[in-house]
Protein backbone atom coordinates (compact mmCIF):
# COMPACT_ATOMS: atom_id res chain seq x y z
CA UNK A 1 111.25 67.64 83.09
CA UNK A 2 110.49 70.86 85.29
CA UNK A 3 110.29 70.45 89.09
CA UNK A 4 106.51 71.66 89.00
CA UNK A 5 105.29 68.78 86.91
CA UNK A 6 102.78 66.85 88.71
CA UNK A 7 105.33 63.77 88.12
CA UNK A 8 108.24 65.12 89.78
CA UNK A 9 109.71 63.34 92.91
CA UNK A 10 109.59 64.30 96.63
CA UNK A 11 113.57 65.03 96.46
CA UNK A 12 113.48 67.02 93.28
CA UNK A 13 110.84 69.26 94.72
CA UNK A 14 113.51 69.52 98.16
CA UNK A 15 116.15 70.04 96.09
CA UNK A 16 114.45 73.08 93.83
CA UNK A 17 113.34 74.50 97.36
CA UNK A 18 109.71 74.20 96.73
CA UNK A 19 107.92 74.69 100.24
CA UNK A 20 105.72 72.21 100.92
CA UNK A 21 102.42 72.71 102.96
CA UNK A 22 103.76 70.86 105.96
CA UNK A 23 106.81 72.97 106.49
CA UNK A 24 104.79 76.44 105.68
CA UNK A 25 102.33 75.39 108.37
CA UNK A 26 104.85 74.31 110.79
CA UNK A 27 107.91 75.69 110.33
CA UNK A 28 107.14 78.87 108.87
CA UNK A 29 103.66 80.28 109.77
CA UNK A 30 103.88 78.52 113.37
CA UNK A 31 107.41 80.18 114.34
CA UNK A 32 106.75 83.86 112.67
CA UNK A 33 103.18 84.41 112.87
CA UNK A 34 101.64 84.57 116.26
CA UNK A 35 97.96 83.61 116.38
CA UNK A 36 97.03 85.88 118.29
CA UNK A 37 97.61 88.24 115.25
CA UNK A 38 95.26 86.58 112.73
CA UNK A 39 92.52 88.52 113.88
CA UNK A 40 93.95 92.02 112.40
CA UNK A 41 93.82 90.09 108.51
CA UNK A 42 91.00 87.45 109.11
CA UNK A 43 88.61 90.31 109.34
CA UNK A 44 88.21 92.06 106.01
CA UNK A 45 86.65 95.14 107.61
CA UNK A 46 89.27 95.53 110.52
CA UNK A 47 92.58 95.12 108.01
CA UNK A 48 90.92 98.21 105.84
CA UNK A 49 90.89 100.49 108.89
CA UNK A 50 94.18 99.08 109.77
CA UNK A 51 95.57 100.09 105.86
CA UNK A 52 93.92 103.33 105.96
CA UNK A 53 95.23 104.16 109.42
CA UNK A 54 99.32 104.14 107.64
CA UNK A 55 97.94 105.82 104.43
CA UNK A 56 97.49 102.69 102.13
CA UNK A 57 94.40 103.07 99.90
CA UNK A 58 92.12 100.50 99.78
CA UNK A 59 88.66 99.73 98.02
CA UNK A 60 86.35 102.10 99.59
CA UNK A 61 83.45 100.92 102.41
CA UNK A 62 80.13 101.37 101.80
CA UNK A 63 78.98 99.72 104.65
CA UNK A 64 78.10 96.18 106.10
CA UNK A 65 75.35 93.94 107.39
CA UNK A 66 75.97 91.71 110.06
CA UNK A 67 71.97 90.95 111.34
CA UNK A 68 69.55 88.96 109.12
CA UNK A 69 66.73 91.16 109.66
CA UNK A 70 69.39 93.87 107.99
CA UNK A 71 69.39 91.88 104.63
CA UNK A 72 66.49 93.40 103.75
CA UNK A 73 67.96 96.45 103.11
CA UNK A 74 70.86 95.83 101.14
CA UNK A 75 69.89 98.30 98.01
CA UNK A 76 69.40 101.02 100.61
CA UNK A 77 73.39 100.71 101.65
CA UNK A 78 74.12 100.92 97.93
CA UNK A 79 71.80 103.70 97.06
CA UNK A 80 73.87 105.75 94.72
CA UNK A 81 76.47 103.62 93.87
CA UNK A 82 76.37 102.45 90.44
CA UNK A 83 78.46 98.93 91.05
CA UNK A 84 79.49 97.29 94.22
CA UNK A 85 80.85 94.27 95.84
CA UNK A 86 80.08 91.95 98.32
CA UNK A 87 82.08 89.78 100.49
CA UNK A 88 82.49 87.96 103.45
CA UNK A 89 84.64 89.56 105.94
CA UNK A 90 85.99 86.71 107.36
CA UNK A 91 86.28 84.75 104.15
CA UNK A 92 88.94 82.99 102.25
CA UNK A 93 89.91 82.21 98.65
CA UNK A 94 88.03 84.21 97.03
CA UNK A 95 84.72 82.39 98.31
CA UNK A 96 81.60 84.25 98.78
CA UNK A 97 82.78 87.05 96.95
CA UNK A 98 79.88 88.64 94.50
CA UNK A 99 80.92 91.62 92.17
CA UNK A 100 77.99 93.33 90.88
CA UNK A 101 78.77 95.65 87.71
CA UNK A 102 75.08 97.04 87.16
CA UNK A 103 71.99 96.45 88.50
CA UNK A 104 68.04 97.84 88.59
CA UNK A 105 66.11 97.37 91.67
CA UNK A 106 65.33 93.34 90.88
CA UNK A 107 67.89 92.63 88.54
CA UNK A 108 72.17 92.33 89.23
CA UNK A 109 74.53 91.77 86.50
CA UNK A 110 77.50 90.09 87.65
CA UNK A 111 81.41 90.52 86.46
CA UNK A 112 80.87 87.14 84.43
CA UNK A 113 77.93 88.69 82.72
CA UNK A 114 75.39 86.33 84.95
CA UNK A 115 71.86 88.40 85.79
CA UNK A 116 71.01 87.18 89.10
CA UNK A 117 67.43 88.52 90.38
CA UNK A 118 66.94 90.25 93.53
CA UNK A 119 66.11 87.13 95.50
CA UNK A 120 68.83 85.55 94.72
CA UNK A 121 71.29 88.38 96.14
CA UNK A 122 69.33 88.48 99.61
CA UNK A 123 70.05 84.54 99.83
CA UNK A 124 73.79 85.33 99.07
CA UNK A 125 74.27 88.33 101.82
CA UNK A 126 72.10 85.84 103.94
CA UNK A 127 74.49 82.87 103.30
CA UNK A 128 77.34 84.86 104.21
CA UNK A 129 75.90 86.16 107.50
CA UNK A 130 74.99 82.21 108.40
CA UNK A 131 79.16 81.72 107.73
CA UNK A 132 78.55 79.48 104.50
CA UNK A 133 81.79 81.06 103.50
CA UNK A 134 83.94 82.24 106.51
CA UNK A 135 86.65 80.84 108.18
CA UNK A 136 85.61 77.66 110.48
CA UNK A 137 81.55 78.61 109.55
CA UNK A 138 80.97 80.57 112.16
CA UNK A 139 78.54 83.90 111.78
CA UNK A 140 80.39 86.37 109.62
CA UNK A 141 79.15 90.02 108.04
CA UNK A 142 78.69 91.23 104.48
CA UNK A 143 80.94 93.74 103.61
CA UNK A 144 80.09 96.24 100.77
CA UNK A 145 82.67 97.88 98.89
CA UNK A 146 83.34 99.92 95.59
CA UNK A 147 83.81 98.36 92.72
CA UNK A 148 87.50 98.28 91.64
CA UNK A 149 88.10 100.34 88.37
CA UNK A 150 90.58 98.56 87.22
CA UNK A 151 93.47 99.84 85.03
CA UNK A 152 93.29 99.34 81.07
CA UNK A 153 97.41 98.37 81.45
CA UNK A 154 95.83 95.10 81.98
CA UNK A 155 92.52 95.38 79.46
CA UNK A 156 93.87 92.48 77.47
CA UNK A 157 95.37 90.34 80.08
CA UNK A 158 92.21 89.31 82.01
CA UNK A 159 88.80 88.25 81.48
CA UNK A 160 86.00 90.43 82.87
CA UNK A 161 87.22 90.15 85.99
CA UNK A 162 89.88 92.19 88.13
CA UNK A 163 93.52 91.12 88.06
CA UNK A 164 95.32 90.92 91.53
CA UNK A 165 99.16 91.09 92.51
CA UNK A 166 99.96 88.50 95.27
CA UNK A 167 103.54 89.08 97.17
CA UNK A 168 104.75 86.98 99.40
CA UNK A 169 106.46 88.81 102.57
CA UNK A 170 108.59 87.60 104.80
CA UNK A 171 109.95 89.08 107.71
CA UNK A 172 109.13 92.62 106.19
CA UNK A 173 110.46 91.62 102.74
CA UNK A 174 108.95 90.87 99.37
CA UNK A 175 109.68 87.60 98.62
CA UNK A 176 108.11 86.62 95.52
CA UNK A 177 105.33 87.46 93.09
CA UNK A 178 102.34 87.00 90.74
CA UNK A 179 99.81 88.22 88.68
CA UNK A 180 96.27 86.57 89.08
CA UNK A 181 94.15 87.03 85.64
CA UNK A 182 90.73 85.77 85.62
CA UNK A 183 89.58 83.26 82.40
CA UNK A 184 86.12 82.55 81.09
CA UNK A 185 86.74 79.17 83.08
CA UNK A 186 86.97 80.81 86.40
CA UNK A 187 84.15 82.99 85.65
CA UNK A 188 85.72 86.27 86.05
CA UNK A 189 87.38 85.51 89.24
CA UNK A 190 91.26 85.46 90.11
CA UNK A 191 91.64 82.26 91.90
CA UNK A 192 93.97 79.73 90.34
CA UNK A 193 91.96 76.81 91.58
CA UNK A 194 88.87 78.04 89.38
CA UNK A 195 90.86 78.02 86.28
CA UNK A 196 92.50 81.31 86.40
CA UNK A 197 96.09 82.13 84.77
CA UNK A 198 98.93 83.04 87.12
CA UNK A 199 101.89 84.34 86.15
CA UNK A 200 105.09 84.95 88.03
CA UNK A 201 106.57 88.46 88.58
CA UNK A 202 109.96 89.35 88.89
CA UNK A 203 110.41 90.72 92.33
CA UNK A 204 113.15 93.11 90.84
CA UNK A 205 111.63 94.50 87.46
CA UNK A 206 107.73 93.69 87.96
CA UNK A 207 107.91 91.92 84.67
CA UNK A 208 106.47 88.52 83.56
CA UNK A 209 108.81 85.51 83.81
CA UNK A 210 106.65 82.54 83.44
CA UNK A 211 102.95 81.72 83.48
CA UNK A 212 100.57 78.39 84.43
CA UNK A 213 96.61 77.86 84.14
CA UNK A 214 96.52 74.24 85.82
CA UNK A 215 99.54 74.08 87.19
CA UNK A 216 100.54 73.83 83.05
CA UNK A 217 102.90 76.35 81.39
CA UNK A 218 101.54 78.55 78.79
CA UNK A 219 102.27 81.46 76.73
CA UNK A 220 99.13 83.17 75.80
CA UNK A 221 96.05 84.13 77.47
CA UNK A 222 93.30 81.22 76.71
CA UNK A 223 90.54 83.76 76.02
CA UNK A 224 92.14 86.78 75.23
CA UNK A 225 95.27 85.50 73.55
CA UNK A 226 97.35 88.20 75.01
CA UNK A 227 101.19 87.17 75.59
CA UNK A 228 101.74 87.22 78.72
CA UNK A 229 105.38 87.10 78.49
CA UNK A 230 105.02 91.13 77.34
CA UNK A 231 102.97 91.90 80.97
CA UNK A 232 104.67 94.38 83.07
CA UNK A 233 103.04 95.88 86.19
CA UNK A 234 103.45 99.44 86.81
CA UNK A 235 103.86 101.07 89.76
CA UNK A 236 105.86 98.58 91.09
CA UNK A 237 107.92 100.11 93.74
CA UNK A 238 104.55 101.02 94.85
CA UNK A 239 103.29 97.52 95.00
CA UNK A 240 106.09 96.07 97.16
CA UNK A 241 106.15 99.18 99.33
CA UNK A 242 102.46 98.67 100.34
CA UNK A 243 102.99 94.67 100.54
CA UNK A 244 106.35 95.02 102.57
CA UNK A 245 103.97 97.79 105.11
CA UNK A 246 101.95 94.61 105.38
CA UNK A 247 104.62 93.41 108.23
CA UNK A 248 104.55 96.61 110.64
CA UNK A 249 100.69 96.65 110.46
CA UNK A 250 100.39 93.39 111.61
CA UNK A 251 103.53 91.77 113.01
CA UNK A 252 102.76 89.02 110.75
CA UNK A 253 106.45 87.48 109.86
CA UNK A 254 104.85 85.51 106.99
CA UNK A 255 101.93 86.85 104.69
CA UNK A 256 100.42 87.42 101.39
CA UNK A 257 99.11 91.01 99.85
CA UNK A 258 96.85 90.92 97.46
CA UNK A 259 96.98 93.93 95.06
CA UNK A 260 94.67 95.70 92.54
CA UNK A 261 95.65 98.52 90.50
CA UNK A 262 92.60 101.03 89.53
CA UNK A 263 92.82 103.37 86.95
CA UNK A 264 92.10 106.87 88.63
CA UNK A 265 93.42 105.79 92.65
CA UNK A 266 96.64 103.32 91.50
CA UNK A 267 97.47 100.42 93.57
CA UNK A 268 95.04 99.60 96.27
CA UNK A 269 95.27 96.39 99.30
CA UNK A 270 92.59 94.26 98.44
CA UNK A 271 93.60 91.72 101.33
CA UNK A 272 96.07 90.75 103.30
CA UNK A 273 96.67 86.91 104.43
CA UNK A 274 97.86 85.09 107.20
CA UNK A 275 98.23 81.66 105.22
CA UNK A 276 99.19 82.37 101.39
CA UNK A 277 98.96 79.55 99.42
CA UNK A 278 101.67 78.00 97.59
CA UNK A 279 100.57 77.84 93.95
CA UNK A 280 102.78 81.43 93.38
CA UNK A 281 106.00 79.14 93.28
CA UNK A 282 104.42 77.14 90.06
CA UNK A 283 103.56 80.47 88.49
CA UNK A 284 107.23 81.67 89.22
CA UNK A 285 108.88 77.94 88.68
CA UNK A 286 111.23 78.72 91.58
CA UNK A 287 110.84 77.19 95.28
CA UNK A 288 109.85 79.61 97.69
CA UNK A 289 112.30 77.41 100.85
CA UNK A 290 115.20 79.15 99.29
CA UNK A 291 114.30 82.33 99.07
CA UNK A 292 112.61 82.34 102.44
CA UNK A 293 116.18 81.11 104.17
CA UNK A 294 117.94 83.27 102.13
CA UNK A 295 116.14 86.21 103.66
CA UNK A 296 115.85 85.07 107.48
CA UNK A 297 119.64 84.41 107.56
CA UNK A 298 121.53 86.95 105.33
CA UNK A 299 119.39 89.81 104.64
CA UNK A 300 119.93 93.12 106.80
CA UNK A 301 117.78 93.41 109.89
CA UNK A 302 115.77 96.46 111.76
CA UNK A 303 115.67 98.31 107.96
CA UNK A 304 112.93 100.79 107.34
CA UNK A 305 110.24 99.78 104.85
CA UNK A 306 111.82 101.88 102.34
CA UNK A 307 115.38 100.21 102.94
CA UNK A 308 113.97 96.39 102.41
CA UNK A 309 112.34 97.75 99.17
CA UNK A 310 115.52 99.63 97.90
CA UNK A 311 117.65 96.36 99.33
CA UNK A 312 115.21 94.31 97.21
CA UNK A 313 115.60 96.09 94.39
CA UNK A 314 119.30 96.58 94.04
CA UNK A 315 119.68 93.00 94.91
CA UNK A 316 120.72 90.40 92.18
CA UNK A 317 117.84 87.59 92.82
CA UNK A 318 120.08 84.50 91.96
CA UNK A 319 117.14 82.18 92.88
CA UNK A 320 114.83 83.87 90.14
CA UNK A 321 117.28 84.22 87.67
CA UNK A 322 117.66 80.02 87.72
C-alpha cells in the first residue's frame, strides 16, 4: 500500500516523513514566516513590483481597478491587447482568475472555450472588488495582466490552460517541485482540487518522477493521452533560481513559487505563496517533513542564490530516490 493512500494510518505517514497541515502551520510557517511579511506575497501587484525590481520576469501588468465606478471602463483598460487575465490582487488557490483569450465588445471567450457576455465579465470584476475571492473576504483590487503565451514544450501535456511549476522553497533552498497540468475537468485551470494533474518533478533534473489526479497515481494525461513520465521542464536551473530568489525578495523562510514558461520570454514568476499547500507531496510520492528537516539542520548557511542552486543540483537527494 502506498503511503499516500487514503487508507494510510497516521503512523505510516509520519514514518514516511509526510508534513501534515498542523505541523506546516505551527512548526514551519509560524517559525519561519513573520506575519508582517505576508503582504509582500498576498498582494499580487506588490509581489510583481518586488520581482521586477530584482530582475525576475512576471506577466506584464496591464492595469488594475479598485473602485466599483471604474468597472464600466474595463474595456478601455485592455484596449489594444488581444487577450488578458483578470485576477484578484489578494486571491488564493486560483479563485477568481478569469482568462480571456479572445473578445469583442460584447462577447468574451475564456481559456476553457466558454463564451461570456459583457455583463458577466462586468459582474466578475465587481465580485472581485467586493472581496468574493480574496483572503478574509476583504475589499479587493482587480488586476489585469497579459495572458501567458505558454511554451509549445508542454503542448500535449495540458488541456487548454497554462501549465505551471510549483516549487517549495525553505530557507532559500528549493525543496520539492511539481508541475500542475490543466484538464477538461479542471476547466483549463491548473488547480489540483478542481481535477488538474499534478506531476512530481525531480528537484535536480527537472524531469517527471510521478503523477496523480485526485490523489491517485496516473501515467497518462486523461484528455491528451500524453505520457506524463516523459515530461521534462526546460530551463530548469532558471526555474530553481527564480524560486530561490523569493527568499531574499520577501524574507519568507517557507514559500511556494509558481512559475510559468512563456514561448518568447521564458520562465516567469506567476505568484508567490506564504502558505503553499501540501498536495505536492502526493504528486512526488515523497514526504516534505524529512526534506525540510535536512535543509534546516544539514545544509550550508549564508550562501548566495547561485551557490544554493549549485548545492542542490550537485547533491544526491536520497529522499527523492526512495
